[in-house]
Protein backbone atom coordinates (compact mmCIF):
# COMPACT_ATOMS: atom_id res chain seq x y z
CA MET A 1 -58.18 -27.97 -72.41
CA TRP A 2 -55.12 -25.70 -72.41
CA THR A 3 -57.25 -22.95 -70.94
CA PHE A 4 -58.19 -25.23 -68.03
CA ILE A 5 -54.56 -26.23 -67.52
CA ASN A 6 -53.43 -22.61 -67.63
CA LEU A 7 -56.11 -21.68 -65.13
CA ALA A 8 -55.00 -24.47 -62.83
CA LEU A 9 -51.40 -23.35 -63.06
CA PHE A 10 -52.42 -19.81 -62.36
CA VAL A 11 -54.37 -20.86 -59.28
CA ALA A 12 -51.47 -22.96 -58.07
CA ALA A 13 -49.11 -20.03 -58.61
CA LEU A 14 -51.41 -17.77 -56.62
CA ALA A 15 -51.58 -20.35 -53.85
CA ALA A 16 -47.79 -20.67 -53.79
CA LEU A 17 -47.42 -16.92 -53.81
CA ALA A 18 -49.89 -16.60 -50.97
CA TYR A 19 -48.01 -19.29 -49.03
CA PHE A 20 -44.65 -17.61 -49.53
CA MET A 21 -46.08 -14.21 -48.68
CA GLY A 22 -47.63 -15.62 -45.52
CA HIS A 23 -44.36 -17.32 -44.62
CA ALA A 24 -42.47 -14.10 -45.34
CA ARG A 25 -44.87 -12.16 -43.15
CA LYS A 26 -44.40 -14.76 -40.40
CA ASN A 27 -40.62 -14.50 -40.74
CA SER A 28 -40.87 -10.75 -40.75
CA ARG A 29 -42.93 -10.81 -37.56
CA GLU A 30 -40.38 -13.19 -36.01
CA LEU A 31 -37.54 -10.91 -37.08
CA GLU A 32 -39.39 -7.92 -35.70
CA ARG A 33 -39.96 -9.78 -32.43
CA ARG A 34 -36.31 -10.82 -32.23
CA LEU A 35 -35.18 -7.30 -33.12
CA SER A 36 -37.41 -5.94 -30.38
CA GLU A 37 -35.91 -8.43 -27.93
CA LEU A 38 -32.38 -7.43 -28.97
CA GLU A 39 -33.25 -3.76 -28.63
CA THR A 40 -34.68 -4.45 -25.17
CA GLU A 41 -31.57 -6.38 -24.18
CA GLU A 42 -29.41 -3.59 -25.59
CA ASP A 43 -31.38 -1.02 -23.60
CA HIS A 44 -30.95 -3.08 -20.46
CA VAL A 45 -27.21 -3.44 -21.01
CA PHE A 46 -26.86 0.28 -21.66
CA ASP A 47 -28.92 1.00 -18.54
CA PHE A 48 -26.54 -1.27 -16.65
CA LEU A 49 -23.48 0.55 -18.01
CA HIS A 50 -25.06 3.90 -17.23
CA GLY A 51 -25.82 2.76 -13.69
CA ILE A 52 -22.24 1.59 -13.18
CA GLY A 53 -20.88 4.87 -14.50
CA ALA A 54 -23.24 6.90 -12.32
CA ALA A 55 -22.22 4.85 -9.31
CA PHE A 56 -18.57 5.78 -9.76
CA SER A 57 -19.28 9.44 -10.50
CA GLU A 58 -21.35 9.69 -7.31
CA GLY A 59 -18.75 7.91 -5.21
CA VAL A 60 -21.07 5.01 -4.33
CA ARG A 61 -20.03 2.66 -1.55
CA SER A 62 -18.74 -0.81 -2.39
CA SER A 63 -21.84 -2.50 -0.97
CA GLU A 64 -24.09 -0.40 -3.20
CA LEU A 65 -22.01 -1.17 -6.27
CA HIS A 66 -22.21 -4.91 -5.54
CA ARG A 67 -25.98 -4.69 -5.09
CA LEU A 68 -26.27 -2.76 -8.34
CA ILE A 69 -24.34 -5.44 -10.24
CA VAL A 70 -26.49 -8.31 -8.97
CA GLU A 71 -29.87 -6.60 -9.28
CA SER A 72 -29.04 -5.29 -12.74
CA ALA A 73 -27.92 -8.73 -13.89
CA VAL A 74 -31.15 -10.29 -12.55
CA ARG A 75 -33.26 -7.66 -14.31
CA ILE A 76 -31.46 -7.90 -17.66
CA MET A 77 -31.53 -11.70 -17.65
CA ASP A 78 -35.21 -11.69 -16.58
CA GLY A 79 -34.15 -13.84 -13.64
CA ALA A 80 -35.60 -14.30 -10.17
CA SER A 81 -32.51 -14.02 -7.96
CA GLY A 82 -28.74 -13.65 -8.04
CA ALA A 83 -25.52 -13.65 -6.08
CA LEU A 84 -22.08 -12.07 -6.24
CA TYR A 85 -19.02 -13.66 -4.63
CA LEU A 86 -15.68 -11.87 -4.53
CA ALA A 87 -12.18 -13.26 -3.97
CA ASN A 88 -10.57 -12.29 -0.68
CA LYS A 89 -7.10 -10.70 -0.60
CA ASP A 90 -5.11 -13.93 -0.57
CA CYS A 91 -7.52 -15.55 -3.08
CA SER A 92 -8.09 -18.51 -0.73
CA THR A 93 -11.89 -18.23 -0.71
CA LEU A 94 -14.76 -16.34 -2.33
CA THR A 95 -16.76 -14.23 0.10
CA PRO A 96 -20.48 -13.57 -0.48
CA SER A 97 -20.76 -9.88 -1.31
CA PHE A 98 -24.43 -9.54 -2.22
CA ILE A 99 -27.17 -12.19 -2.41
CA THR A 100 -30.81 -11.40 -3.17
CA PRO A 101 -33.47 -12.68 -0.77
CA SER A 102 -34.82 -16.21 -1.40
CA CYS A 103 -31.88 -16.99 -3.65
CA PRO A 104 -31.34 -20.70 -4.30
CA PRO A 105 -28.05 -21.98 -2.86
CA PHE A 106 -25.03 -21.81 -5.14
CA VAL A 107 -22.76 -23.28 -2.46
CA THR A 108 -22.86 -26.61 -0.65
CA ILE A 109 -25.54 -26.58 2.08
CA PRO A 110 -25.13 -28.72 5.21
CA GLU A 111 -27.60 -31.58 5.58
CA HIS A 112 -29.09 -30.31 8.86
CA ILE A 113 -30.12 -27.02 7.22
CA GLN A 114 -31.69 -28.80 4.26
CA THR A 115 -33.73 -31.21 6.35
CA HIS A 116 -34.16 -29.96 9.92
CA ALA A 117 -34.35 -26.16 9.77
CA ALA A 118 -37.61 -24.80 11.15
CA ASN A 119 -37.65 -22.00 8.60
CA LYS A 120 -35.71 -23.49 5.73
CA GLN A 121 -35.56 -20.42 3.48
CA ALA A 122 -34.54 -18.10 6.31
CA SER A 123 -31.85 -20.56 7.34
CA LEU A 124 -30.63 -20.83 3.74
CA ASP A 125 -30.50 -17.04 3.39
CA SER A 126 -28.59 -16.65 6.64
CA PHE A 127 -26.15 -19.44 5.82
CA GLN A 128 -25.41 -18.10 2.34
CA GLN A 129 -24.76 -14.58 3.61
CA LEU A 130 -22.03 -15.90 5.91
CA GLN A 131 -20.61 -18.94 4.12
CA PRO A 132 -17.63 -18.38 1.78
CA ALA A 133 -17.32 -20.48 -1.36
CA VAL A 134 -14.50 -23.00 -1.54
CA SER A 135 -12.73 -23.77 -4.78
CA GLY A 136 -14.34 -26.71 -6.57
CA GLU A 137 -17.41 -26.94 -4.27
CA GLY A 138 -20.89 -25.93 -5.40
CA LEU A 139 -21.69 -23.95 -8.54
CA ILE A 140 -19.69 -20.94 -7.35
CA GLY A 141 -16.64 -22.97 -6.36
CA GLU A 142 -16.70 -25.00 -9.60
CA CYS A 143 -16.92 -21.84 -11.70
CA TRP A 144 -14.05 -20.26 -9.76
CA LEU A 145 -11.93 -23.35 -10.30
CA SER A 146 -12.70 -23.78 -14.00
CA GLY A 147 -12.96 -20.13 -14.98
CA GLN A 148 -15.76 -21.06 -17.41
CA PHE A 149 -19.28 -19.75 -18.03
CA ARG A 150 -22.06 -22.30 -17.91
CA ILE A 151 -25.81 -22.87 -17.66
CA ALA A 152 -26.83 -25.22 -14.85
CA SER A 153 -30.13 -27.03 -14.45
CA GLY A 154 -32.17 -26.56 -11.29
CA GLN A 155 -31.51 -30.11 -10.15
CA GLU A 156 -27.83 -29.24 -9.74
CA PHE A 157 -28.33 -26.67 -7.01
CA SER A 158 -31.83 -25.68 -5.92
CA ALA A 159 -34.01 -28.71 -5.32
CA GLY A 160 -36.70 -27.52 -7.73
CA LYS A 161 -36.88 -23.83 -6.72
CA SER A 162 -35.36 -22.81 -10.07
CA ASN A 163 -35.22 -24.60 -13.37
CA SER A 164 -31.85 -23.14 -14.40
CA ALA A 165 -29.07 -20.78 -13.44
CA ILE A 166 -26.35 -19.04 -15.35
CA VAL A 167 -22.98 -18.57 -13.68
CA GLY A 168 -19.70 -17.05 -14.80
CA PRO A 169 -16.32 -15.75 -13.60
CA LEU A 170 -15.58 -12.04 -13.35
CA ILE A 171 -12.22 -11.83 -15.08
CA TYR A 172 -10.10 -8.74 -15.59
CA ARG A 173 -6.49 -8.78 -16.75
CA HIS A 174 -6.38 -12.58 -16.53
CA LYS A 175 -7.37 -12.52 -12.85
CA ILE A 176 -10.64 -13.90 -11.49
CA LEU A 177 -12.05 -11.23 -9.20
CA GLY A 178 -15.16 -13.18 -8.31
CA VAL A 179 -18.17 -15.12 -9.60
CA LEU A 180 -21.61 -13.82 -10.62
CA ALA A 181 -24.69 -16.06 -10.73
CA VAL A 182 -28.32 -15.52 -11.75
CA ALA A 183 -31.16 -18.03 -11.29
CA ASN A 184 -34.62 -17.93 -12.88
CA GLY A 185 -37.93 -19.05 -11.40
CA GLU A 186 -39.37 -22.54 -11.29
CA GLU A 187 -41.92 -21.77 -14.00
CA SER A 188 -39.58 -19.69 -16.20
CA ILE A 189 -38.10 -20.69 -19.53
CA PRO A 190 -34.61 -22.15 -18.97
CA PHE A 191 -31.68 -19.96 -19.91
CA SER A 192 -30.39 -20.39 -23.46
CA ASP A 193 -27.11 -19.92 -25.31
CA ALA A 194 -28.36 -16.49 -26.40
CA ASP A 195 -28.83 -15.59 -22.73
CA LEU A 196 -25.31 -16.77 -22.07
CA LYS A 197 -23.93 -14.24 -24.56
CA VAL A 198 -25.73 -11.39 -22.83
CA PHE A 199 -24.56 -12.65 -19.45
CA ARG A 200 -20.94 -12.66 -20.66
CA ALA A 201 -21.26 -8.98 -21.56
CA ILE A 202 -22.66 -8.22 -18.10
CA ALA A 203 -19.86 -10.18 -16.44
CA GLU A 204 -17.17 -8.39 -18.45
CA GLN A 205 -18.50 -4.97 -17.51
CA SER A 206 -18.98 -6.03 -13.89
CA ALA A 207 -15.38 -7.23 -13.69
CA PHE A 208 -14.18 -3.92 -15.11
CA ALA A 209 -16.29 -2.03 -12.55
CA LEU A 210 -14.97 -4.14 -9.67
CA TYR A 211 -11.39 -3.64 -10.81
CA ASN A 212 -11.89 0.11 -10.93
CA GLU A 213 -13.54 -0.02 -7.52
CA ALA A 214 -10.41 -1.70 -6.15
CA ILE A 215 -8.21 0.94 -7.78
CA TYR A 216 -10.31 3.77 -6.34
CA PHE A 217 -10.26 2.11 -2.93
CA GLU A 218 -6.50 1.72 -3.03
CA ALA A 219 -6.13 5.31 -4.19
CA GLY A 220 -8.31 6.46 -1.32
CA GLU A 221 -6.37 4.37 1.15
CA LYS A 222 -3.11 5.72 -0.23
CA LYS A 223 -4.43 9.26 0.08
CA LEU A 224 -5.30 8.65 3.73
CA LEU A 225 -1.93 7.04 4.32
CA ASP A 226 -0.13 9.92 2.64
CA ARG A 227 -2.01 12.35 4.87
CA ASP A 228 -1.06 10.33 7.96
CA LEU A 229 2.56 10.29 6.79
CA GLU A 230 2.48 14.04 6.28
CA ILE A 231 1.27 14.42 9.84
CA ALA A 232 3.99 12.04 11.02
CA ARG A 233 6.59 14.05 9.10
CA ASP A 234 5.33 17.27 10.64
CA ILE A 235 5.55 15.76 14.11
CA GLN A 236 9.05 14.49 13.44
CA ARG A 237 10.05 17.91 12.12
CA ILE A 238 8.88 19.41 15.41
CA LEU A 239 11.04 16.92 17.32
CA LEU A 240 14.17 17.93 15.40
CA PRO A 241 15.88 21.28 16.10
CA SER A 242 14.36 24.02 13.98
CA GLU A 243 17.43 26.27 14.19
CA ALA A 244 21.05 26.22 15.26
CA PRO A 245 21.76 26.91 18.91
CA VAL A 246 23.47 30.06 20.10
CA PHE A 247 26.58 28.84 21.95
CA ASP A 248 29.51 31.08 22.69
CA GLY A 249 32.49 30.48 20.38
CA TYR A 250 30.88 27.90 18.10
CA GLY A 251 28.90 27.80 14.86
CA PHE A 252 26.42 25.08 13.97
CA SER A 253 24.66 23.86 10.85
CA ALA A 254 22.60 20.74 10.20
CA LEU A 255 20.66 19.06 7.42
CA SER A 256 18.40 15.98 7.58
CA ILE A 257 16.86 14.40 4.47
CA ALA A 258 14.41 11.48 4.74
CA ALA A 259 14.51 8.70 2.16
CA ARG A 260 10.76 8.36 2.70
CA HIS A 261 8.15 10.59 4.30
CA VAL A 262 9.74 10.12 7.70
CA SER A 263 13.29 9.40 8.73
CA GLY A 264 15.18 6.95 10.91
CA ASP A 265 17.88 9.58 11.49
CA TYR A 266 17.90 11.83 14.53
CA PHE A 267 19.97 14.75 15.71
CA ASP A 268 19.63 17.09 18.63
CA TYR A 269 21.17 19.96 20.58
CA ILE A 270 20.69 19.58 24.35
CA PRO A 271 21.46 22.54 26.65
CA LEU A 272 23.15 21.20 29.80
CA ALA A 273 24.45 24.40 31.42
CA PRO A 274 25.25 27.94 30.28
CA ASN A 275 28.72 26.77 29.19
CA ARG A 276 27.88 23.16 28.24
CA LEU A 277 25.97 21.84 25.23
CA GLY A 278 25.20 18.26 24.20
CA VAL A 279 25.15 17.37 20.50
CA ALA A 280 23.76 14.01 19.34
CA ILE A 281 23.40 12.23 16.03
CA ALA A 282 21.76 8.83 15.66
CA ASP A 283 20.69 6.37 12.98
CA VAL A 284 18.02 3.73 13.57
CA SER A 285 18.31 0.57 11.50
CA GLY A 286 15.72 0.61 8.75
CA LYS A 287 13.64 3.44 7.32
CA GLY A 288 10.11 4.75 7.40
CA ILE A 289 7.52 4.64 10.18
CA PRO A 290 9.11 1.93 12.40
CA ALA A 291 12.47 3.73 12.44
CA SER A 292 10.84 7.11 13.06
CA LEU A 293 9.00 5.76 16.11
CA ILE A 294 12.27 4.49 17.57
CA THR A 295 13.94 7.86 16.96
CA ALA A 296 11.14 9.60 18.86
CA MET A 297 11.58 7.19 21.75
CA CYS A 298 15.37 7.64 21.62
CA ARG A 299 15.03 11.44 21.76
CA GLY A 300 12.89 11.31 24.86
CA VAL A 301 15.23 8.95 26.70
CA LEU A 302 18.39 10.85 25.72
CA ARG A 303 16.98 14.21 26.82
CA ARG A 304 15.94 12.72 30.14
CA GLU A 305 19.32 11.09 30.82
CA ALA A 306 21.61 13.82 29.43
CA ASN A 307 21.66 15.82 32.68
CA GLU A 308 22.34 12.79 34.87
CA SER A 309 26.07 12.56 34.10
CA PRO A 310 28.87 14.83 32.80
CA LEU A 311 30.37 11.92 30.81
CA PRO A 312 28.94 11.09 27.34
CA SER A 313 29.77 7.40 27.79
CA ASP A 314 27.73 7.23 30.99
CA VAL A 315 24.82 8.98 29.30
CA LEU A 316 24.89 6.38 26.50
CA ARG A 317 24.96 3.56 29.06
CA ARG A 318 21.85 4.98 30.70
CA VAL A 319 20.12 5.38 27.33
CA ASN A 320 20.96 1.81 26.35
CA ARG A 321 19.60 0.48 29.62
CA GLN A 322 16.29 2.29 29.03
CA LEU A 323 15.91 1.37 25.35
CA TYR A 324 17.07 -2.24 25.33
CA PRO A 325 13.83 -3.84 26.66
CA ASP A 326 11.69 -2.04 24.06
CA ILE A 327 13.73 -2.56 20.89
CA LYS A 328 13.06 -5.57 18.67
CA GLU A 329 15.86 -8.05 18.13
CA ASP A 330 16.33 -7.04 14.49
CA MET A 331 16.65 -3.31 15.28
CA PHE A 332 19.38 -1.18 16.81
CA ILE A 333 20.50 2.45 17.07
CA SER A 334 23.91 3.87 16.32
CA MET A 335 24.73 7.16 18.02
CA ALA A 336 27.51 9.66 18.59
CA TYR A 337 27.16 12.03 21.53
CA LEU A 338 29.38 15.06 22.21
CA ILE A 339 29.49 17.54 25.07
CA LEU A 340 31.00 20.94 24.24
CA ASP A 341 32.44 23.18 26.98
CA SER A 342 32.71 26.82 25.88
CA THR A 343 34.81 27.77 28.92
CA SER A 344 37.58 25.20 28.49
CA GLY A 345 37.25 24.61 24.77
CA ARG A 346 37.23 20.87 25.40
CA VAL A 347 34.98 18.32 23.79
CA GLU A 348 33.99 15.03 25.42
CA MET A 349 32.66 12.38 23.05
CA ALA A 350 31.32 8.81 23.18
CA ARG A 351 30.22 6.62 20.31
CA ALA A 352 27.65 3.80 20.19
CA GLY A 353 28.54 2.02 16.99
CA HIS A 354 28.09 5.16 14.90
CA ASP A 355 30.26 6.20 11.95
CA ALA A 356 33.36 7.98 13.24
CA PRO A 357 32.89 11.79 13.18
CA LEU A 358 35.54 13.76 11.29
CA LEU A 359 37.59 16.59 12.83
CA TYR A 360 39.16 19.12 10.51
CA ARG A 361 42.28 20.81 11.95
CA ALA A 362 42.68 24.31 10.57
CA ALA A 363 46.36 24.48 11.52
CA SER A 364 47.35 21.53 9.35
CA GLY A 365 44.44 21.23 6.95
CA GLN A 366 44.21 17.56 7.87
CA VAL A 367 41.22 15.51 9.01
CA GLU A 368 41.15 13.14 11.98
CA LYS A 369 38.67 10.32 12.57
CA LEU A 370 37.17 10.41 16.07
CA SER A 371 36.81 6.74 16.95
CA PRO A 372 36.24 5.96 20.62
CA LYS A 373 35.12 2.38 21.19
CA GLY A 374 31.46 1.52 21.57
CA MET A 375 28.67 -0.75 20.29
CA ALA A 376 25.20 0.12 18.99
CA LEU A 377 22.33 0.78 21.37
CA GLY A 378 19.70 -1.88 21.88
CA ILE A 379 21.82 -4.94 21.05
CA ASP A 380 23.06 -5.77 24.56
CA SER A 381 21.37 -5.24 27.92
CA GLY A 382 24.50 -3.59 29.31
CA GLU A 383 26.89 -6.36 30.28
CA VAL A 384 29.00 -5.88 27.16
CA PHE A 385 27.85 -2.37 26.20
CA ASN A 386 28.89 -0.80 29.50
CA ARG A 387 32.35 -2.32 29.27
CA VAL A 388 33.20 -1.30 25.69
CA CYS A 389 31.71 2.22 25.66
CA THR A 390 34.47 4.77 26.30
CA ASP A 391 35.02 8.53 26.17
CA LEU A 392 37.33 10.54 23.93
CA SER A 393 38.45 14.00 25.04
CA PHE A 394 40.03 16.64 22.78
CA GLU A 395 40.25 20.40 22.28
CA MET A 396 39.10 22.46 19.33
CA GLU A 397 41.11 25.43 18.08
CA THR A 398 39.90 28.41 16.07
CA GLY A 399 38.94 27.29 12.54
CA ASP A 400 38.57 23.63 13.49
CA CYS A 401 35.39 21.89 12.37
CA ILE A 402 33.66 18.64 13.35
CA LEU A 403 31.46 16.84 10.83
CA LEU A 404 28.97 14.29 12.15
CA TYR A 405 27.04 12.26 9.57
CA THR A 406 24.90 9.16 9.07
CA ASP A 407 25.88 6.40 6.68
CA GLY A 408 23.27 7.56 4.15
CA ALA A 409 25.91 10.05 2.97
CA THR A 410 28.89 7.71 2.67
CA GLU A 411 26.84 4.81 1.30
CA SER A 412 25.07 6.80 -1.41
CA LEU A 413 25.55 5.04 -4.76
CA ASN A 414 26.15 6.44 -8.22
CA HIS A 415 24.91 4.90 -11.48
CA GLN A 416 27.90 2.53 -11.56
CA GLY A 417 27.07 1.21 -8.10
CA LEU A 418 30.05 2.93 -6.42
CA GLU A 419 29.70 4.39 -2.93
CA TYR A 420 30.46 8.01 -2.16
CA GLY A 421 32.64 6.80 0.69
CA VAL A 422 34.51 8.33 3.62
CA GLU A 423 37.50 9.49 1.54
CA ARG A 424 35.33 11.71 -0.66
CA LEU A 425 33.62 13.00 2.48
CA ILE A 426 37.02 13.93 3.96
CA GLU A 427 37.99 15.79 0.77
CA ALA A 428 34.69 17.70 0.82
CA LEU A 429 35.24 18.66 4.47
CA GLN A 430 38.77 19.90 3.74
CA SER A 431 37.47 22.03 0.87
CA ALA A 432 34.58 23.64 2.75
CA ALA A 433 35.70 23.81 6.41
CA PRO A 434 37.58 27.13 6.10
CA GLN A 435 34.25 28.81 5.18
CA GLY A 436 32.44 27.64 8.33
CA ALA A 437 29.79 25.13 9.40
CA ALA A 438 27.01 26.22 7.03
CA GLN A 439 29.29 25.95 4.01
CA VAL A 440 30.40 22.47 5.08
CA VAL A 441 26.85 21.11 5.21
CA ASN A 442 25.79 22.71 1.91
CA TYR A 443 28.96 21.70 0.11
CA VAL A 444 28.86 18.07 1.29
CA ALA A 445 25.17 17.74 0.34
CA ASP A 446 25.89 19.12 -3.15
CA GLU A 447 28.89 16.82 -3.59
CA VAL A 448 26.87 13.74 -2.65
CA ARG A 449 24.04 14.83 -4.94
CA ASN A 450 26.43 15.42 -7.84
CA PHE A 451 28.07 12.05 -7.23
CA THR A 452 24.82 10.10 -7.26
CA GLY A 453 23.34 12.12 -10.10
CA SER A 454 19.93 12.23 -8.38
CA ASP A 455 18.07 13.47 -5.34
CA LEU A 456 19.37 12.26 -2.00
CA LYS A 457 16.76 9.57 -1.52
CA HIS A 458 18.72 6.32 -1.36
CA ASP A 459 18.84 6.42 2.43
CA ASP A 460 18.18 8.87 5.23
CA ILE A 461 21.00 11.44 5.33
CA THR A 462 21.87 13.68 8.25
CA LEU A 463 24.82 16.07 8.47
CA ILE A 464 25.92 18.24 11.41
CA ALA A 465 28.85 20.62 11.23
CA ILE A 466 30.35 22.31 14.33
CA SER A 467 32.95 24.98 13.76
CA LYS A 468 35.15 26.74 16.35
CA LYS A 469 35.21 30.49 15.91
């Protein structure tokens, strides 16, 4: 009896052991299958990362990068189609960047295309390629608005052409750069939560790639802009005098420093006759490219009008009349214009709203402000300008020195917010004038630089010194 019972127990134990071993083998096969799937997914993700990296190293175009993102996402997710929408610059809409052929619509489709199009799929493809996504409308718009990943059933978007889609935002540094979507086929297994995890990883890497693409694009644009600015600076340098003029009885020195690549300051020496020389200094409101274009225009007009009258005030009137129609309402030009006569030793000067030049008198060691009346160029058509613009005539003696400057020098600020000011400029002129024009320019520039404690980049700065020998 006990032998029979023991035998029965032994058989039952063998049966249980066989069951558990079979179940273990089944679990092992399932684990092996799942591990193989994970390894495949991992390989796909790594292939995707490798493709993204190769794209950047080879300098791939934006369109190719966008195609790579979509096609890689479709392949990794074992989907049938996909689409990438990117936010435009003002983030008002999402623009379709790449959509695979025969992709189900992820945006709202007009009724006439859904029901009356002769070739429905071709019409859908064409519409999707051109139609931006609006916030809150369609799968793409809803994802953009919510910022959430989700799995959508085919009934939500494709009228039976796909049984599910997976859609998610491309987020980098808390900013949604776009939306990526992948749809599977009508007969495919619907996407699962496990698929959603893989898709999140793809979206994260895609967002990083798109962000870097934008950085590279901006860097490239900046490089092109910098090159254009260098060309503009070279052209402006050509327009400014490259060396001091040779003019009997006088010494000249000048310095012009741009706050940016190009300057809104202008100075010039204009030969009028063997014994007459025009000297101009001007400052266009603003800085950078717009101001530099106005200075170029001002130079051309001044050089054309300089020989039409012996009086500086009349020359400025003519210049104003030519410039006024072409200068915007919010821009103007200040200018001081002098005519030196080496035979008589006289200087004629007119001023169009420019900072008063300083005249150092060697005999007394004192400095005079040269302040004839006048208003800036480009503000008035001539009715007021012509009336207020006047000439100032004076003589220079041996050792005297004139300093012309733009307000970038006097308005330079130190770390306490204090301006360099005209009084400091006068003191610098008194200290350096006995050594001649070159020493004046170098000394004033050093004094302003020492005062501000930095490079002279707060505003455009131009200095011209004219000494009488």
